[in-house]
Amino acid sequence: MARKKDRNDKLADLDLAELLDELRATKQEALNLRFRNATGQLENTAEISRVRRHVARINTYIRQREIAAAENAQ
């Protein structure tokens, strides 16, 4: 459980550009996992779900930053 919290804390510390880079890399990882699954090379299919959840977490942090920026602009 502590490991998951550490990963989320690391995401919270990133700025928007770093979050976008992390999102791009994670989406690439998800694509690679899907290809490996389709060709039967993926042993642990739970990795696909883990990566999809990570993409969702990153998108959540990005959206939080967008909302905060819009509130500060008003």
PDB file of N, CA and C in Angstrom:
ATOM      1  N   MET A   1       0.827  -1.199   0.000  1.00  0.00           N
ATOM      2  CA  MET A   1       0.000   0.000   0.000  1.00  0.00           C
ATOM      3  C   MET A   1       0.870   1.261   0.000  1.00  0.00           C
ATOM      4  N   ALA A   2       1.956   1.222   0.721  1.00  0.00           N
ATOM      5  CA  ALA A   2       2.833   2.384   0.774  1.00  0.00           C
ATOM      6  C   ALA A   2       3.444   2.660  -0.591  1.00  0.00           C
ATOM      7  N   ARG A   3       3.673   1.597  -1.367  1.00  0.00           N
ATOM      8  CA  ARG A   3       4.258   1.769  -2.687  1.00  0.00           C
ATOM      9  C   ARG A   3       3.336   2.563  -3.602  1.00  0.00           C
ATOM     10  N   LYS A   4       2.031   2.272  -3.530  1.00  0.00           N
ATOM     11  CA  LYS A   4       1.060   2.979  -4.362  1.00  0.00           C
ATOM     12  C   LYS A   4       1.010   4.451  -3.970  1.00  0.00           C
ATOM     13  N   LYS A   5       1.040   4.739  -2.686  1.00  0.00           N
ATOM     14  CA  LYS A   5       1.000   6.122  -2.222  1.00  0.00           C
ATOM     15  C   LYS A   5       2.245   6.877  -2.679  1.00  0.00           C
ATOM     16  N   ASP A   6       3.401   6.223  -2.636  1.00  0.00           N
ATOM     17  CA  ASP A   6       4.627   6.868  -3.095  1.00  0.00           C
ATOM     18  C   ASP A   6       4.534   7.233  -4.568  1.00  0.00           C
ATOM     19  N   ARG A   7       3.969   6.330  -5.381  1.00  0.00           N
ATOM     20  CA  ARG A   7       3.851   6.582  -6.815  1.00  0.00           C
ATOM     21  C   ARG A   7       2.930   7.777  -7.058  1.00  0.00           C
ATOM     22  N   ASN A   8       1.817   7.850  -6.308  1.00  0.00           N
ATOM     23  CA  ASN A   8       0.900   8.975  -6.474  1.00  0.00           C
ATOM     24  C   ASN A   8       1.528  10.273  -5.991  1.00  0.00           C
ATOM     25  N   ASP A   9       2.325  10.219  -4.919  1.00  0.00           N
ATOM     26  CA  ASP A   9       3.004  11.418  -4.445  1.00  0.00           C
ATOM     27  C   ASP A   9       3.984  11.926  -5.483  1.00  0.00           C
ATOM     28  N   LYS A  10       4.656  11.007  -6.178  1.00  0.00           N
ATOM     29  CA  LYS A  10       5.590  11.413  -7.221  1.00  0.00           C
ATOM     30  C   LYS A  10       4.850  12.105  -8.361  1.00  0.00           C
ATOM     31  N   LEU A  11       3.677  11.606  -8.716  1.00  0.00           N
ATOM     32  CA  LEU A  11       2.886  12.244  -9.760  1.00  0.00           C
ATOM     33  C   LEU A  11       2.430  13.631  -9.324  1.00  0.00           C
ATOM     34  N   ALA A  12       2.064  13.782  -8.076  1.00  0.00           N
ATOM     35  CA  ALA A  12       1.585  15.065  -7.574  1.00  0.00           C
ATOM     36  C   ALA A  12       2.691  16.117  -7.601  1.00  0.00           C
ATOM     37  N   ASP A  13       3.944  15.674  -7.498  1.00  0.00           N
ATOM     38  CA  ASP A  13       5.071  16.608  -7.481  1.00  0.00           C
ATOM     39  C   ASP A  13       5.493  17.066  -8.872  1.00  0.00           C
ATOM     40  N   LEU A  14       5.025  16.400  -9.918  1.00  0.00           N
ATOM     41  CA  LEU A  14       5.431  16.744 -11.277  1.00  0.00           C
ATOM     42  C   LEU A  14       4.684  17.971 -11.778  1.00  0.00           C
ATOM     43  N   ASP A  15       5.336  18.757 -12.642  1.00  0.00           N
ATOM     44  CA  ASP A  15       4.637  19.873 -13.259  1.00  0.00           C
ATOM     45  C   ASP A  15       3.898  19.376 -14.508  1.00  0.00           C
ATOM     46  N   LEU A  16       3.183  20.242 -15.152  1.00  0.00           N
ATOM     47  CA  LEU A  16       2.310  19.843 -16.256  1.00  0.00           C
ATOM     48  C   LEU A  16       3.090  19.221 -17.415  1.00  0.00           C
ATOM     49  N   ALA A  17       4.212  19.805 -17.778  1.00  0.00           N
ATOM     50  CA  ALA A  17       5.009  19.259 -18.893  1.00  0.00           C
ATOM     51  C   ALA A  17       5.513  17.852 -18.564  1.00  0.00           C
ATOM     52  N   GLU A  18       5.943  17.648 -17.330  1.00  0.00           N
ATOM     53  CA  GLU A  18       6.419  16.331 -16.921  1.00  0.00           C
ATOM     54  C   GLU A  18       5.274  15.319 -16.890  1.00  0.00           C
ATOM     55  N   LEU A  19       4.094  15.775 -16.469  1.00  0.00           N
ATOM     56  CA  LEU A  19       2.927  14.893 -16.476  1.00  0.00           C
ATOM     57  C   LEU A  19       2.586  14.471 -17.900  1.00  0.00           C
ATOM     58  N   LEU A  20       2.660  15.398 -18.832  1.00  0.00           N
ATOM     59  CA  LEU A  20       2.374  15.068 -20.228  1.00  0.00           C
ATOM     60  C   LEU A  20       3.396  14.086 -20.783  1.00  0.00           C
ATOM     61  N   ASP A  21       4.659  14.247 -20.410  1.00  0.00           N
ATOM     62  CA  ASP A  21       5.695  13.290 -20.835  1.00  0.00           C
ATOM     63  C   ASP A  21       5.422  11.913 -20.242  1.00  0.00           C
ATOM     64  N   GLU A  22       5.054  11.888 -18.969  1.00  0.00           N
ATOM     65  CA  GLU A  22       4.740  10.618 -18.308  1.00  0.00           C
ATOM     66  C   GLU A  22       3.521   9.958 -18.959  1.00  0.00           C
ATOM     67  N   LEU A  23       2.535  10.765 -19.318  1.00  0.00           N
ATOM     68  CA  LEU A  23       1.343  10.245 -19.982  1.00  0.00           C
ATOM     69  C   LEU A  23       1.705   9.630 -21.333  1.00  0.00           C
ATOM     70  N   ARG A  24       2.538  10.313 -22.091  1.00  0.00           N
ATOM     71  CA  ARG A  24       2.957   9.812 -23.396  1.00  0.00           C
ATOM     72  C   ARG A  24       3.698   8.478 -23.252  1.00  0.00           C
ATOM     73  N   ALA A  25       4.597   8.402 -22.295  1.00  0.00           N
ATOM     74  CA  ALA A  25       5.373   7.176 -22.074  1.00  0.00           C
ATOM     75  C   ALA A  25       4.471   6.037 -21.594  1.00  0.00           C
ATOM     76  N   THR A  26       3.528   6.355 -20.732  1.00  0.00           N
ATOM     77  CA  THR A  26       2.641   5.319 -20.199  1.00  0.00           C
ATOM     78  C   THR A  26       1.690   4.807 -21.278  1.00  0.00           C
ATOM     79  N   LYS A  27       1.215   5.689 -22.142  1.00  0.00           N
ATOM     80  CA  LYS A  27       0.363   5.242 -23.244  1.00  0.00           C
ATOM     81  C   LYS A  27       1.146   4.357 -24.213  1.00  0.00           C
ATOM     82  N   GLN A  28       2.418   4.676 -24.417  1.00  0.00           N
ATOM     83  CA  GLN A  28       3.264   3.831 -25.266  1.00  0.00           C
ATOM     84  C   GLN A  28       3.442   2.458 -24.630  1.00  0.00           C
ATOM     85  N   GLU A  29       3.621   2.441 -23.306  1.00  0.00           N
ATOM     86  CA  GLU A  29       3.742   1.167 -22.593  1.00  0.00           C
ATOM     87  C   GLU A  29       2.452   0.348 -22.730  1.00  0.00           C
ATOM     88  N   ALA A  30       1.295   1.016 -22.641  1.00  0.00           N
ATOM     89  CA  ALA A  30       0.015   0.318 -22.792  1.00  0.00           C
ATOM     90  C   ALA A  30      -0.113  -0.275 -24.196  1.00  0.00           C
ATOM     91  N   LEU A  31       0.317   0.466 -25.192  1.00  0.00           N
ATOM     92  CA  LEU A  31       0.274  -0.032 -26.560  1.00  0.00           C
ATOM     93  C   LEU A  31       1.146  -1.275 -26.723  1.00  0.00           C
ATOM     94  N   ASN A  32       2.348  -1.206 -26.178  1.00  0.00           N
ATOM     95  CA  ASN A  32       3.250  -2.353 -26.255  1.00  0.00           C
ATOM     96  C   ASN A  32       2.664  -3.569 -25.543  1.00  0.00           C
ATOM     97  N   LEU A  33       2.031  -3.360 -24.401  1.00  0.00           N
ATOM     98  CA  LEU A  33       1.414  -4.469 -23.671  1.00  0.00           C
ATOM     99  C   LEU A  33       0.275  -5.085 -24.475  1.00  0.00           C
ATOM    100  N   ARG A  34      -0.521  -4.241 -25.134  1.00  0.00           N
ATOM    101  CA  ARG A  34      -1.623  -4.771 -25.943  1.00  0.00           C
ATOM    102  C   ARG A  34      -1.106  -5.617 -27.101  1.00  0.00           C
ATOM    103  N   PHE A  35      -0.031  -5.161 -27.738  1.00  0.00           N
ATOM    104  CA  PHE A  35       0.564  -5.939 -28.827  1.00  0.00           C
ATOM    105  C   PHE A  35       1.114  -7.260 -28.318  1.00  0.00           C
ATOM    106  N   ARG A  36       1.815  -7.212 -27.189  1.00  0.00           N
ATOM    107  CA  ARG A  36       2.372  -8.442 -26.628  1.00  0.00           C
ATOM    108  C   ARG A  36       1.258  -9.398 -26.231  1.00  0.00           C
ATOM    109  N   ASN A  37       0.141  -8.874 -25.736  1.00  0.00           N
ATOM    110  CA  ASN A  37      -0.993  -9.721 -25.366  1.00  0.00           C
ATOM    111  C   ASN A  37      -1.608 -10.355 -26.612  1.00  0.00           C
ATOM    112  N   ALA A  38      -1.726  -9.581 -27.671  1.00  0.00           N
ATOM    113  CA  ALA A  38      -2.330 -10.094 -28.904  1.00  0.00           C
ATOM    114  C   ALA A  38      -1.481 -11.183 -29.547  1.00  0.00           C
ATOM    115  N   THR A  39      -0.167 -11.095 -29.378  1.00  0.00           N
ATOM    116  CA  THR A  39       0.710 -12.092 -29.974  1.00  0.00           C
ATOM    117  C   THR A  39       1.010 -13.249 -29.022  1.00  0.00           C
ATOM    118  N   GLY A  40       0.436 -13.200 -27.822  1.00  0.00           N
ATOM    119  CA  GLY A  40       0.618 -14.283 -26.865  1.00  0.00           C
ATOM    120  C   GLY A  40       1.931 -14.242 -26.107  1.00  0.00           C
ATOM    121  N   GLN A  41       2.616 -13.120 -26.132  1.00  0.00           N
ATOM    122  CA  GLN A  41       3.911 -13.000 -25.454  1.00  0.00           C
ATOM    123  C   GLN A  41       3.798 -12.446 -24.041  1.00  0.00           C
ATOM    124  N   LEU A  42       2.618 -11.982 -23.666  1.00  0.00           N
ATOM    125  CA  LEU A  42       2.435 -11.358 -22.357  1.00  0.00           C
ATOM    126  C   LEU A  42       2.008 -12.415 -21.349  1.00  0.00           C
ATOM    127  N   GLU A  43       2.810 -12.586 -20.306  1.00  0.00           N
ATOM    128  CA  GLU A  43       2.500 -13.597 -19.296  1.00  0.00           C
ATOM    129  C   GLU A  43       1.548 -13.057 -18.237  1.00  0.00           C
ATOM    130  N   ASN A  44       1.729 -11.821 -17.821  1.00  0.00           N
ATOM    131  CA  ASN A  44       0.910 -11.240 -16.760  1.00  0.00           C
ATOM    132  C   ASN A  44      -0.046 -10.214 -17.368  1.00  0.00           C
ATOM    133  N   THR A  45      -1.260 -10.642 -17.659  1.00  0.00           N
ATOM    134  CA  THR A  45      -2.223  -9.749 -18.309  1.00  0.00           C
ATOM    135  C   THR A  45      -2.742  -8.668 -17.363  1.00  0.00           C
ATOM    136  N   ALA A  46      -2.494  -8.805 -16.078  1.00  0.00           N
ATOM    137  CA  ALA A  46      -2.902  -7.775 -15.121  1.00  0.00           C
ATOM    138  C   ALA A  46      -2.125  -6.479 -15.341  1.00  0.00           C
ATOM    139  N   GLU A  47      -0.992  -6.569 -16.005  1.00  0.00           N
ATOM    140  CA  GLU A  47      -0.199  -5.375 -16.300  1.00  0.00           C
ATOM    141  C   GLU A  47      -0.983  -4.389 -17.155  1.00  0.00           C
ATOM    142  N   ILE A  48      -1.822  -4.892 -18.034  1.00  0.00           N
ATOM    143  CA  ILE A  48      -2.620  -4.017 -18.897  1.00  0.00           C
ATOM    144  C   ILE A  48      -3.540  -3.147 -18.043  1.00  0.00           C
ATOM    145  N   SER A  49      -4.213  -3.748 -17.084  1.00  0.00           N
ATOM    146  CA  SER A  49      -5.106  -2.993 -16.192  1.00  0.00           C
ATOM    147  C   SER A  49      -4.327  -2.003 -15.337  1.00  0.00           C
ATOM    148  N   ARG A  50      -3.159  -2.423 -14.861  1.00  0.00           N
ATOM    149  CA  ARG A  50      -2.334  -1.548 -14.032  1.00  0.00           C
ATOM    150  C   ARG A  50      -1.935  -0.293 -14.816  1.00  0.00           C
ATOM    151  N   VAL A  51      -1.542  -0.485 -16.063  1.00  0.00           N
ATOM    152  CA  VAL A  51      -1.104   0.647 -16.880  1.00  0.00           C
ATOM    153  C   VAL A  51      -2.291   1.545 -17.227  1.00  0.00           C
ATOM    154  N   ARG A  52      -3.450   0.943 -17.496  1.00  0.00           N
ATOM    155  CA  ARG A  52      -4.640   1.756 -17.794  1.00  0.00           C
ATOM    156  C   ARG A  52      -5.023   2.621 -16.595  1.00  0.00           C
ATOM    157  N   ARG A  53      -4.929   2.067 -15.392  1.00  0.00           N
ATOM    158  CA  ARG A  53      -5.228   2.845 -14.183  1.00  0.00           C
ATOM    159  C   ARG A  53      -4.209   3.964 -14.001  1.00  0.00           C
ATOM    160  N   HIS A  54      -2.952   3.681 -14.350  1.00  0.00           N
ATOM    161  CA  HIS A  54      -1.909   4.705 -14.231  1.00  0.00           C
ATOM    162  C   HIS A  54      -2.184   5.856 -15.208  1.00  0.00           C
ATOM    163  N   VAL A  55      -2.625   5.538 -16.410  1.00  0.00           N
ATOM    164  CA  VAL A  55      -2.995   6.573 -17.379  1.00  0.00           C
ATOM    165  C   VAL A  55      -4.138   7.416 -16.813  1.00  0.00           C
ATOM    166  N   ALA A  56      -5.120   6.779 -16.206  1.00  0.00           N
ATOM    167  CA  ALA A  56      -6.248   7.504 -15.633  1.00  0.00           C
ATOM    168  C   ALA A  56      -5.788   8.425 -14.498  1.00  0.00           C
ATOM    169  N   ARG A  57      -4.865   7.948 -13.662  1.00  0.00           N
ATOM    170  CA  ARG A  57      -4.339   8.784 -12.575  1.00  0.00           C
ATOM    171  C   ARG A  57      -3.633  10.016 -13.132  1.00  0.00           C
ATOM    172  N   ILE A  58      -2.826   9.815 -14.155  1.00  0.00           N
ATOM    173  CA  ILE A  58      -2.103  10.941 -14.752  1.00  0.00           C
ATOM    174  C   ILE A  58      -3.091  11.940 -15.337  1.00  0.00           C
ATOM    175  N   ASN A  59      -4.109  11.440 -16.043  1.00  0.00           N
ATOM    176  CA  ASN A  59      -5.125  12.333 -16.602  1.00  0.00           C
ATOM    177  C   ASN A  59      -5.847  13.105 -15.511  1.00  0.00           C
ATOM    178  N   THR A  60      -6.072  12.479 -14.367  1.00  0.00           N
ATOM    179  CA  THR A  60      -6.720  13.152 -13.252  1.00  0.00           C
ATOM    180  C   THR A  60      -5.869  14.306 -12.751  1.00  0.00           C
ATOM    181  N   TYR A  61      -4.568  14.075 -12.581  1.00  0.00           N
ATOM    182  CA  TYR A  61      -3.678  15.154 -12.134  1.00  0.00           C
ATOM    183  C   TYR A  61      -3.616  16.279 -13.159  1.00  0.00           C
ATOM    184  N   ILE A  62      -3.596  15.941 -14.439  1.00  0.00           N
ATOM    185  CA  ILE A  62      -3.575  16.969 -15.480  1.00  0.00           C
ATOM    186  C   ILE A  62      -4.851  17.813 -15.406  1.00  0.00           C
ATOM    187  N   ARG A  63      -5.982  17.149 -15.250  1.00  0.00           N
ATOM    188  CA  ARG A  63      -7.258  17.876 -15.178  1.00  0.00           C
ATOM    189  C   ARG A  63      -7.321  18.750 -13.930  1.00  0.00           C
ATOM    190  N   GLN A  64      -6.782  18.278 -12.814  1.00  0.00           N
ATOM    191  CA  GLN A  64      -6.747  19.084 -11.600  1.00  0.00           C
ATOM    192  C   GLN A  64      -5.939  20.357 -11.828  1.00  0.00           C
ATOM    193  N   ARG A  65      -4.831  20.221 -12.538  1.00  0.00           N
ATOM    194  CA  ARG A  65      -4.007  21.402 -12.835  1.00  0.00           C
ATOM    195  C   ARG A  65      -4.758  22.370 -13.740  1.00  0.00           C
ATOM    196  N   GLU A  66      -5.490  21.843 -14.729  1.00  0.00           N
ATOM    197  CA  GLU A  66      -6.257  22.711 -15.629  1.00  0.00           C
ATOM    198  C   GLU A  66      -7.340  23.460 -14.870  1.00  0.00           C
ATOM    199  N   ILE A  67      -8.031  22.784 -13.972  1.00  0.00           N
ATOM    200  CA  ILE A  67      -9.087  23.421 -13.190  1.00  0.00           C
ATOM    201  C   ILE A  67      -8.499  24.496 -12.276  1.00  0.00           C
ATOM    202  N   ALA A  68      -7.368  24.197 -11.628  1.00  0.00           N
ATOM    203  CA  ALA A  68      -6.726  25.172 -10.754  1.00  0.00           C
ATOM    204  C   ALA A  68      -6.284  26.398 -11.544  1.00  0.00           C
ATOM    205  N   ALA A  69      -5.751  26.181 -12.744  1.00  0.00           N
ATOM    206  CA  ALA A  69      -5.300  27.310 -13.561  1.00  0.00           C
ATOM    207  C   ALA A  69      -6.487  28.165 -13.990  1.00  0.00           C
ATOM    208  N   ALA A  70      -7.616  27.534 -14.301  1.00  0.00           N
ATOM    209  CA  ALA A  70      -8.798  28.297 -14.709  1.00  0.00           C
ATOM    210  C   ALA A  70      -9.359  29.094 -13.527  1.00  0.00           C
ATOM    211  N   GLU A  71      -9.319  28.526 -12.341  1.00  0.00           N
ATOM    212  CA  GLU A  71      -9.807  29.240 -11.163  1.00  0.00           C
ATOM    213  C   GLU A  71      -8.905  30.417 -10.826  1.00  0.00           C
ATOM    214  N   ASN A  72      -7.609  30.264 -11.014  1.00  0.00           N
ATOM    215  CA  ASN A  72      -6.673  31.351 -10.732  1.00  0.00           C
ATOM    216  C   ASN A  72      -6.784  32.455 -11.765  1.00  0.00           C
ATOM    217  N   ALA A  73      -7.209  32.136 -12.963  1.00  0.00           N
ATOM    218  CA  ALA A  73      -7.339  33.131 -14.029  1.00  0.00           C
ATOM    219  C   ALA A  73      -8.554  34.030 -13.819  1.00  0.00           C
ATOM    220  N   GLN A  74      -9.512  33.549 -13.054  1.00  0.00           N
ATOM    221  CA  GLN A  74     -10.740  34.343 -12.862  1.00  0.00           C
ATOM    222  C   GLN A  74     -10.523  35.440 -11.918  1.00  0.00           C
TER     223      GLN A  74
END
